[in-house]
Amino acid sequence: MVITIILANANLHRTLVDQGSSTDILFKSAFDKLGLQNKELRVYPNSLFGLEDTPIQPLRYISLHTTFGKGTQSSTLNIDYIVVNVSSAYNALIGRTTLNQLAAVVSTPYLCMKFPNLEGIATIKGDQKFLRRCYNESLNFKENPRGEKINTIELGGV
């Protein structure tokens, strides 16, 4: 499911909600576009592993306030994003840890995510247009000549 979140006071489109990932990822291209500074990054001691057990060395990690939803249908969390410099059709990836923190229920057939907040139950609808575009782009990345692949990323050494 692909949604838009508010990250560093900007609407961050192309955010993948990935129930299979154990971590939250911010891709370096999005980090740069958000105008974040490298000095804000903190050391991350582990490697990350994709589906094919190929290690990915993260640059570092950063804690950012992240808002899911809008207005009264929103909730804000402080999330530790691991910043990686790999090609991706997405700007960020939200994994199980954050989904559990939100107490979110995700329905991929309905492209919908629900979670409790102070006003009741908030609902975020996925963006089907972005979903199709990102999926098609990720297929192109898998076949690129430099051999880069788009995979679910898992924490290493845990």
Protein backbone atom coordinates (compact mmCIF):
# COMPACT_ATOMS: atom_id res chain seq x y z
CA MET A 1 0.00 0.00 0.00
CA VAL A 2 1.38 3.42 -0.94
CA ILE A 3 0.38 6.48 1.12
CA THR A 4 1.41 10.09 1.74
CA ILE A 5 2.80 11.03 5.15
CA ILE A 6 3.94 14.33 6.63
CA LEU A 7 7.67 14.14 7.34
CA ALA A 8 9.92 17.07 8.25
CA ASN A 9 7.00 19.46 7.55
CA ALA A 10 6.59 18.19 3.98
CA ASN A 11 4.13 15.87 2.27
CA LEU A 12 6.13 12.77 1.45
CA HIS A 13 4.38 10.91 -1.35
CA ARG A 14 5.33 7.38 -2.40
CA THR A 15 5.61 5.98 1.11
CA LEU A 16 5.32 2.19 1.05
CA VAL A 17 3.50 0.54 3.96
CA ASP A 18 5.26 -2.83 4.14
CA GLN A 19 3.93 -5.26 6.74
CA GLY A 20 6.78 -7.63 5.87
CA SER A 21 9.58 -5.23 6.77
CA SER A 22 11.02 -5.09 10.27
CA THR A 23 12.32 -1.53 9.96
CA ASP A 24 11.52 1.96 8.69
CA ILE A 25 13.59 3.21 5.78
CA LEU A 26 14.16 6.68 4.35
CA PHE A 27 15.87 6.57 0.98
CA LYS A 28 18.79 8.98 0.50
CA SER A 29 17.16 10.71 -2.47
CA ALA A 30 14.16 11.66 -0.28
CA PHE A 31 16.48 12.63 2.60
CA ASP A 32 18.24 15.09 0.29
CA LYS A 33 14.99 16.47 -1.18
CA LEU A 34 13.64 17.11 2.33
CA GLY A 35 16.66 19.35 2.97
CA LEU A 36 17.84 17.34 5.96
CA GLN A 37 21.45 17.70 7.08
CA ASN A 38 23.98 14.85 7.28
CA LYS A 39 25.05 16.15 10.72
CA GLU A 40 21.60 15.10 12.04
CA LEU A 41 22.34 11.45 11.25
CA ARG A 42 23.37 9.05 14.03
CA VAL A 43 25.47 5.90 13.70
CA TYR A 44 23.61 2.68 12.90
CA PRO A 45 25.75 -0.35 13.81
CA ASN A 46 24.06 -3.13 11.79
CA SER A 47 23.72 -4.07 8.15
CA LEU A 48 20.39 -4.57 6.43
CA PHE A 49 19.47 -7.59 4.37
CA GLY A 50 17.10 -7.86 1.43
CA LEU A 51 15.23 -10.90 0.18
CA GLU A 52 18.35 -12.34 -1.41
CA ASP A 53 20.48 -11.86 1.73
CA THR A 54 22.51 -9.16 0.02
CA PRO A 55 23.86 -6.86 2.75
CA ILE A 56 23.06 -3.17 2.44
CA GLN A 57 25.20 -0.80 4.46
CA PRO A 58 22.97 1.94 5.87
CA LEU A 59 24.36 5.47 5.91
CA ARG A 60 23.02 6.10 9.43
CA TYR A 61 19.66 6.78 11.04
CA ILE A 62 17.59 9.82 11.95
CA SER A 63 14.62 10.38 14.28
CA LEU A 64 11.81 12.39 12.69
CA HIS A 65 8.28 13.34 13.70
CA THR A 66 5.94 11.65 11.25
CA THR A 67 2.24 12.36 10.84
CA PHE A 68 -0.13 9.78 9.41
CA GLY A 69 -3.43 11.20 8.12
CA LYS A 70 -4.73 14.77 8.21
CA GLY A 71 -6.46 16.99 10.76
CA THR A 72 -8.51 15.08 13.32
CA GLN A 73 -7.89 11.88 11.33
CA SER A 74 -4.18 11.92 12.16
CA SER A 75 -1.59 10.63 14.57
CA THR A 76 2.03 11.76 14.99
CA LEU A 77 4.92 9.51 16.06
CA ASN A 78 8.65 9.97 16.44
CA ILE A 79 10.16 7.36 14.10
CA ASP A 80 13.77 6.24 13.71
CA TYR A 81 14.39 5.99 9.96
CA ILE A 82 17.40 4.12 8.67
CA VAL A 83 18.81 6.09 5.73
CA VAL A 84 20.02 3.96 2.83
CA ASN A 85 21.56 4.99 -0.46
CA VAL A 86 19.91 2.53 -2.86
CA SER A 87 17.68 3.14 -5.86
CA SER A 88 13.98 2.82 -5.13
CA ALA A 89 10.65 3.73 -6.64
CA TYR A 90 9.61 4.83 -3.12
CA ASN A 91 10.69 7.71 -0.88
CA ALA A 92 10.23 5.86 2.41
CA LEU A 93 9.16 2.51 3.77
CA ILE A 94 7.06 2.06 6.91
CA GLY A 95 7.49 -1.33 8.56
CA ARG A 96 5.92 -3.49 11.28
CA THR A 97 7.47 -1.62 14.21
CA THR A 98 5.71 1.62 13.33
CA LEU A 99 2.49 -0.12 12.32
CA ASN A 100 2.44 -1.80 15.74
CA GLN A 101 3.20 1.50 17.47
CA LEU A 102 0.25 3.06 15.61
CA ALA A 103 -1.90 -0.02 16.38
CA ALA A 104 -2.72 0.08 12.66
CA VAL A 105 -4.76 -2.45 10.72
CA VAL A 106 -3.85 -2.56 7.03
CA SER A 107 -6.11 -3.95 4.33
CA THR A 108 -4.24 -4.25 1.07
CA PRO A 109 -7.30 -5.33 -0.99
CA TYR A 110 -9.12 -2.16 0.08
CA LEU A 111 -5.96 0.01 0.04
CA CYS A 112 -6.90 1.24 3.50
CA MET A 113 -5.18 1.62 6.88
CA LYS A 114 -7.05 2.28 10.14
CA PHE A 115 -5.64 3.19 13.53
CA PRO A 116 -6.97 4.64 16.79
CA ASN A 117 -6.34 8.26 17.72
CA LEU A 118 -7.76 10.78 20.21
CA GLU A 119 -10.85 11.37 18.05
CA GLY A 120 -11.70 7.69 17.48
CA ILE A 121 -10.59 5.63 14.48
CA ALA A 122 -8.59 7.35 11.76
CA THR A 123 -8.56 6.08 8.17
CA ILE A 124 -5.91 6.53 5.50
CA LYS A 125 -6.65 5.47 1.95
CA GLY A 126 -3.84 4.29 -0.27
CA ASP A 127 -3.16 6.02 -3.54
CA GLN A 128 -3.80 3.54 -6.37
CA LYS A 129 -2.22 5.83 -8.98
CA PHE A 130 1.06 6.05 -7.04
CA LEU A 131 0.87 2.33 -6.24
CA ARG A 132 0.75 1.37 -9.92
CA ARG A 133 3.44 3.86 -10.89
CA CYS A 134 5.79 2.71 -8.10
CA TYR A 135 5.18 -0.94 -8.88
CA ASN A 136 6.00 -0.42 -12.56
CA GLU A 137 9.13 1.58 -11.67
CA SER A 138 10.28 -1.11 -9.24
CA LEU A 139 10.04 -3.68 -12.06
CA ASN A 140 12.30 -1.45 -14.15
CA PHE A 141 14.81 -1.20 -11.27
CA LYS A 142 14.97 -4.99 -11.02
CA GLU A 143 16.13 -5.20 -14.61
CA ASN A 144 18.53 -2.27 -14.69
CA PRO A 145 22.06 -2.85 -16.01
CA ARG A 146 23.78 -1.94 -12.72
CA GLY A 147 22.14 -4.94 -11.02
CA GLU A 148 20.35 -2.93 -8.31
CA LYS A 149 17.23 -4.59 -6.90
CA ILE A 150 14.21 -3.44 -4.95
CA ASN A 151 13.58 -5.76 -2.02
CA THR A 152 11.93 -5.84 1.35
CA ILE A 153 14.65 -4.82 3.77
CA GLU A 154 15.15 -6.65 7.07
CA LEU A 155 17.34 -5.77 10.03
CA GLY A 156 20.62 -7.66 10.23
CA GLY A 157 22.19 -8.92 13.45
CA VAL A 158 18.94 -8.91 15.41
